[in-house]
Amino acid sequence: MSDLTQDSDRLIQQGRQLVADNRTGGRHRRQSIGRGSAQLKTRHFVRKLTRVLIAIAAIIIGAMMTGMVIGGIGFTGVMITLLAVMAAMVAFSAFPRMNVPSRADLSKGDVRQMVGRTEIWLEAQRPALPPPAARIVEDMGVQLDALGLQLETIDAAHPAAREVRKLIGDTLPEMIDSYCKIPVSLRQEKRAGSTPDQQLTDGLGKISAEIDSVTRQLASGALDDLAIKHRYLDYKYGAANDTSGEPS
């Protein structure tokens, strides 16, 4: 338990540092935003590498057996074998590509899978977000890693765990999806005192703060006192602000 708490504290500290870096115009991570997505990518890469090695071994063994049967494959056979090896390397290195999880799959599976899938999904949405919101998403990867460590210590059927899954697997992606449905030309148009860009950034900031708060409560053992206060986030941007640009 002490190791888990130390890991969580370290991840929270990393998250604070990332927030500070971004506020001062510092680094922008363009690869994995968190440990969960990085692990999923690594497993995917290992599976692709395994397929490449198996294919190469099969081609070489096939060439050797053919040579034994016909008394050698000659220069032409060697070249064909090399071309086949190169083709296998290119094909199995490029395919299959890693699929972005669908929204429906984000909250499925165990905690590690949920965190990793959510981070992969957020990485895919990041290019469509305004810079301030994208920076919050980049910071959120470390927060999700820390939250995932804490969620592993509680029963998945506990009401708090279900609420956290709803926050991460429902409210967060719904907010981003609602924003992405707004035409690009209208995302900076001010309605009701703010633009969709500002609303998204503010909403993601609130979710980020909520994730941090939940992680701290779980780390302190305050499971029974845990309350997810994200009802104010449960809205759709297009419907709430009538900025979809679609005729009525």
Protein backbone atom coordinates (compact mmCIF):
# COMPACT_ATOMS: atom_id res chain seq x y z
CA MET A 1 0.00 0.00 0.00
CA SER A 2 2.87 2.40 0.80
CA ASP A 3 4.41 1.76 -2.63
CA LEU A 4 1.06 2.46 -4.28
CA THR A 5 0.69 5.72 -2.38
CA GLN A 6 4.23 6.77 -3.33
CA ASP A 7 3.56 6.01 -7.00
CA SER A 8 0.34 7.99 -6.87
CA ASP A 9 2.03 10.95 -5.17
CA ARG A 10 4.80 10.89 -7.77
CA LEU A 11 2.32 10.88 -10.64
CA ILE A 12 0.37 13.73 -9.08
CA GLN A 13 3.59 15.70 -8.73
CA GLN A 14 4.43 15.03 -12.38
CA GLY A 15 0.99 16.28 -13.31
CA ARG A 16 1.54 19.51 -11.38
CA GLN A 17 4.86 20.02 -13.13
CA LEU A 18 3.26 19.52 -16.53
CA VAL A 19 0.56 22.04 -15.70
CA ALA A 20 3.23 24.53 -14.63
CA ASP A 21 5.23 23.90 -17.81
CA ASN A 22 2.22 24.47 -20.03
CA ARG A 23 1.13 27.62 -18.23
CA THR A 24 4.53 29.12 -18.89
CA GLY A 25 4.42 28.11 -22.55
CA GLY A 26 6.67 25.12 -22.02
CA ARG A 27 6.77 21.70 -23.56
CA HIS A 28 3.94 20.02 -25.44
CA ARG A 29 3.94 16.27 -25.46
CA ARG A 30 3.05 14.93 -28.86
CA GLN A 31 3.31 11.24 -28.13
CA SER A 32 1.76 9.25 -25.30
CA ILE A 33 0.05 11.46 -22.74
CA GLY A 34 0.26 8.82 -20.02
CA ARG A 35 1.66 5.50 -18.93
CA GLY A 36 -1.53 3.62 -19.76
CA SER A 37 -1.57 4.58 -23.44
CA ALA A 38 2.20 4.04 -23.69
CA GLN A 39 1.80 0.48 -22.40
CA LEU A 40 -0.97 -0.27 -24.88
CA LYS A 41 1.18 1.05 -27.72
CA THR A 42 4.14 -1.01 -26.53
CA ARG A 43 2.07 -4.20 -26.45
CA HIS A 44 0.76 -3.44 -29.93
CA PHE A 45 4.32 -2.89 -31.19
CA VAL A 46 5.53 -6.13 -29.62
CA ARG A 47 2.72 -8.06 -31.31
CA LYS A 48 3.63 -6.51 -34.67
CA LEU A 49 7.32 -7.28 -34.16
CA THR A 50 6.46 -10.87 -33.26
CA ARG A 51 4.48 -11.25 -36.47
CA VAL A 52 7.38 -9.80 -38.47
CA LEU A 53 9.86 -12.26 -36.94
CA ILE A 54 7.54 -15.22 -37.48
CA ALA A 55 7.02 -14.24 -41.11
CA ILE A 56 10.77 -13.84 -41.72
CA ALA A 57 11.50 -17.17 -40.06
CA ALA A 58 8.83 -18.89 -42.15
CA ILE A 59 10.25 -17.42 -45.37
CA ILE A 60 13.83 -18.42 -44.55
CA ILE A 61 12.84 -21.92 -43.45
CA GLY A 62 10.75 -22.31 -46.59
CA ALA A 63 13.69 -21.22 -48.74
CA MET A 64 16.04 -23.64 -46.94
CA MET A 65 13.65 -26.57 -47.35
CA THR A 66 13.14 -25.73 -51.00
CA GLY A 67 16.92 -25.63 -51.50
CA MET A 68 17.31 -29.02 -49.84
CA VAL A 69 14.68 -30.54 -52.10
CA ILE A 70 15.87 -29.12 -55.41
CA GLY A 71 19.56 -28.98 -54.59
CA GLY A 72 19.89 -25.24 -54.04
CA ILE A 73 17.89 -22.16 -54.90
CA GLY A 74 20.63 -20.27 -56.71
CA PHE A 75 21.08 -16.52 -57.01
CA THR A 76 17.53 -16.00 -58.23
CA GLY A 77 16.12 -17.91 -55.30
CA VAL A 78 18.22 -15.88 -52.86
CA MET A 79 16.98 -12.63 -54.36
CA ILE A 80 13.37 -13.82 -54.25
CA THR A 81 13.85 -14.78 -50.60
CA LEU A 82 15.31 -11.36 -49.77
CA LEU A 83 12.45 -9.60 -51.56
CA ALA A 84 9.94 -11.75 -49.69
CA VAL A 85 11.61 -10.90 -46.37
CA MET A 86 11.52 -7.18 -47.20
CA ALA A 87 7.88 -7.38 -48.26
CA ALA A 88 6.97 -9.18 -45.03
CA MET A 89 8.80 -6.57 -42.95
CA VAL A 90 7.00 -3.71 -44.67
CA ALA A 91 3.58 -5.34 -44.59
CA PHE A 92 3.64 -6.58 -41.00
CA SER A 93 5.27 -3.39 -39.73
CA ALA A 94 2.54 -1.20 -41.20
CA PHE A 95 -0.45 -3.42 -40.48
CA PRO A 96 -2.53 -3.88 -38.52
CA ARG A 97 -2.68 -0.31 -37.31
CA MET A 98 -3.64 0.40 -33.74
CA ASN A 99 -7.34 1.24 -33.66
CA VAL A 100 -8.61 4.16 -31.61
CA PRO A 101 -11.11 2.83 -29.04
CA SER A 102 -14.72 3.81 -29.56
CA ARG A 103 -16.52 5.82 -26.92
CA ALA A 104 -18.57 2.77 -26.00
CA ASP A 105 -15.39 0.83 -25.18
CA LEU A 106 -13.75 3.44 -22.95
CA SER A 107 -15.28 2.28 -19.67
CA LYS A 108 -15.11 -1.44 -20.44
CA GLY A 109 -12.60 -3.86 -18.97
CA ASP A 110 -10.52 -3.46 -15.85
CA VAL A 111 -9.07 -0.22 -14.53
CA ARG A 112 -5.81 -0.44 -16.47
CA GLN A 113 -7.68 -1.03 -19.72
CA MET A 114 -10.07 1.84 -19.02
CA VAL A 115 -7.24 4.28 -18.33
CA GLY A 116 -5.19 3.17 -21.33
CA ARG A 117 -8.12 3.29 -23.73
CA THR A 118 -9.19 6.71 -22.49
CA GLU A 119 -5.67 8.06 -22.97
CA ILE A 120 -5.48 6.62 -26.49
CA TRP A 121 -8.87 8.17 -27.30
CA LEU A 122 -7.83 11.55 -25.90
CA GLU A 123 -4.63 11.49 -27.95
CA ALA A 124 -6.70 10.94 -31.10
CA GLN A 125 -8.98 13.89 -30.27
CA ARG A 126 -6.16 16.25 -29.28
CA PRO A 127 -5.43 17.67 -32.79
CA ALA A 128 -9.03 18.91 -33.10
CA LEU A 129 -8.95 20.82 -29.81
CA PRO A 130 -7.97 24.45 -29.25
CA PRO A 131 -4.42 24.80 -27.82
CA PRO A 132 -5.47 25.54 -24.20
CA ALA A 133 -7.78 22.49 -24.16
CA ALA A 134 -5.12 20.32 -25.82
CA ARG A 135 -2.66 21.23 -23.07
CA ILE A 136 -5.17 20.17 -20.42
CA VAL A 137 -5.62 16.84 -22.25
CA GLU A 138 -1.84 16.35 -22.29
CA ASP A 139 -1.70 16.92 -18.52
CA MET A 140 -4.68 14.64 -17.96
CA GLY A 141 -2.72 11.52 -18.94
CA VAL A 142 -0.59 11.65 -15.79
CA GLN A 143 -3.71 12.35 -13.72
CA LEU A 144 -5.46 9.31 -15.18
CA ASP A 145 -2.42 7.15 -14.43
CA ALA A 146 -2.52 8.23 -10.77
CA LEU A 147 -6.28 7.74 -10.56
CA GLY A 148 -5.98 4.28 -12.09
CA LEU A 149 -3.51 3.22 -9.38
CA GLN A 150 -5.98 4.24 -6.71
CA LEU A 151 -8.99 2.63 -8.39
CA GLU A 152 -7.17 -0.71 -8.37
CA THR A 153 -7.45 -0.71 -4.56
CA ILE A 154 -11.26 -0.53 -4.43
CA ASP A 155 -14.05 -2.88 -5.46
CA ALA A 156 -15.18 -2.24 -9.03
CA ALA A 157 -18.80 -2.55 -7.84
CA HIS A 158 -18.43 0.23 -5.28
CA PRO A 159 -20.61 3.28 -6.08
CA ALA A 160 -17.55 5.53 -6.06
CA ALA A 161 -15.86 3.37 -8.70
CA ARG A 162 -18.96 3.50 -10.88
CA GLU A 163 -19.13 7.28 -10.56
CA VAL A 164 -15.49 7.63 -11.54
CA ARG A 165 -16.06 5.42 -14.58
CA LYS A 166 -18.98 7.64 -15.56
CA LEU A 167 -16.85 10.77 -15.19
CA ILE A 168 -14.02 9.37 -17.33
CA GLY A 169 -15.93 7.14 -19.73
CA ASP A 170 -19.04 9.25 -20.25
CA THR A 171 -18.86 12.90 -19.19
CA LEU A 172 -15.33 13.56 -20.47
CA PRO A 173 -15.73 12.05 -23.98
CA GLU A 174 -19.25 13.45 -24.32
CA MET A 175 -17.93 16.95 -23.70
CA ILE A 176 -15.26 16.60 -26.39
CA ASP A 177 -17.63 14.93 -28.85
CA SER A 178 -20.15 17.75 -28.39
CA TYR A 179 -17.45 20.30 -29.13
CA CYS A 180 -16.24 18.45 -32.24
CA LYS A 181 -19.77 18.51 -33.67
CA ILE A 182 -19.69 22.31 -33.76
CA PRO A 183 -18.55 23.65 -37.15
CA VAL A 184 -15.01 25.01 -37.03
CA SER A 185 -16.21 28.42 -38.24
CA LEU A 186 -18.44 28.78 -35.16
CA ARG A 187 -16.05 27.58 -32.46
CA GLN A 188 -14.76 31.08 -31.75
CA GLU A 189 -18.13 32.79 -32.04
CA LYS A 190 -19.22 34.23 -28.71
CA ARG A 191 -22.64 33.19 -27.43
CA ALA A 192 -23.95 33.86 -23.93
CA GLY A 193 -20.67 35.50 -22.96
CA SER A 194 -18.22 32.82 -24.11
CA THR A 195 -17.13 30.83 -27.14
CA PRO A 196 -17.28 27.04 -27.57
CA ASP A 197 -13.45 27.04 -27.37
CA GLN A 198 -13.61 28.76 -23.99
CA GLN A 199 -16.44 26.52 -22.77
CA LEU A 200 -14.53 23.37 -23.69
CA THR A 201 -11.36 24.59 -22.01
CA ASP A 202 -13.26 25.55 -18.85
CA GLY A 203 -15.11 22.22 -18.81
CA LEU A 204 -11.95 20.16 -19.26
CA GLY A 205 -10.30 22.21 -16.52
CA LYS A 206 -13.12 21.31 -14.15
CA ILE A 207 -12.86 17.63 -15.01
CA SER A 208 -9.10 17.77 -14.52
CA ALA A 209 -9.58 19.33 -11.09
CA GLU A 210 -12.19 16.70 -10.24
CA ILE A 211 -9.87 13.84 -11.24
CA ASP A 212 -7.17 15.31 -9.02
CA SER A 213 -9.62 15.68 -6.12
CA VAL A 214 -10.89 12.10 -6.47
CA THR A 215 -7.34 10.74 -6.61
CA ARG A 216 -6.43 12.57 -3.41
CA GLN A 217 -9.52 11.31 -1.61
CA LEU A 218 -8.84 7.73 -2.63
CA ALA A 219 -5.17 8.05 -1.65
CA SER A 220 -6.19 9.29 1.81
CA GLY A 221 -8.62 6.41 2.27
CA ALA A 222 -11.69 8.69 2.27
CA LEU A 223 -13.66 6.26 0.11
CA ASP A 224 -16.93 6.66 1.99
CA ASP A 225 -16.70 10.45 1.75
CA LEU A 226 -16.02 10.43 -1.98
CA ALA A 227 -18.54 12.44 -3.94
CA ILE A 228 -18.25 13.13 -7.64
CA LYS A 229 -19.43 16.70 -8.20
CA HIS A 230 -19.64 16.74 -11.97
CA ARG A 231 -23.37 17.29 -12.51
CA TYR A 232 -22.58 20.79 -13.73
CA LEU A 233 -20.50 19.22 -16.50
CA ASP A 234 -23.34 17.04 -17.79
CA TYR A 235 -24.45 19.07 -20.77
CA LYS A 236 -23.96 19.21 -24.51
CA TYR A 237 -22.29 22.29 -25.94
CA GLY A 238 -24.36 22.41 -29.07
CA ALA A 239 -27.65 22.14 -27.21
CA ALA A 240 -26.67 24.39 -24.33
CA ASN A 241 -25.40 27.28 -26.43
CA ASP A 242 -27.13 26.79 -29.79
CA THR A 243 -23.84 27.10 -31.63
CA SER A 244 -24.21 24.15 -33.96
CA GLY A 245 -25.00 26.38 -36.89
CA GLU A 246 -27.73 24.00 -38.09
CA PRO A 247 -30.99 25.53 -39.27
CA SER A 248 -34.01 24.91 -37.07
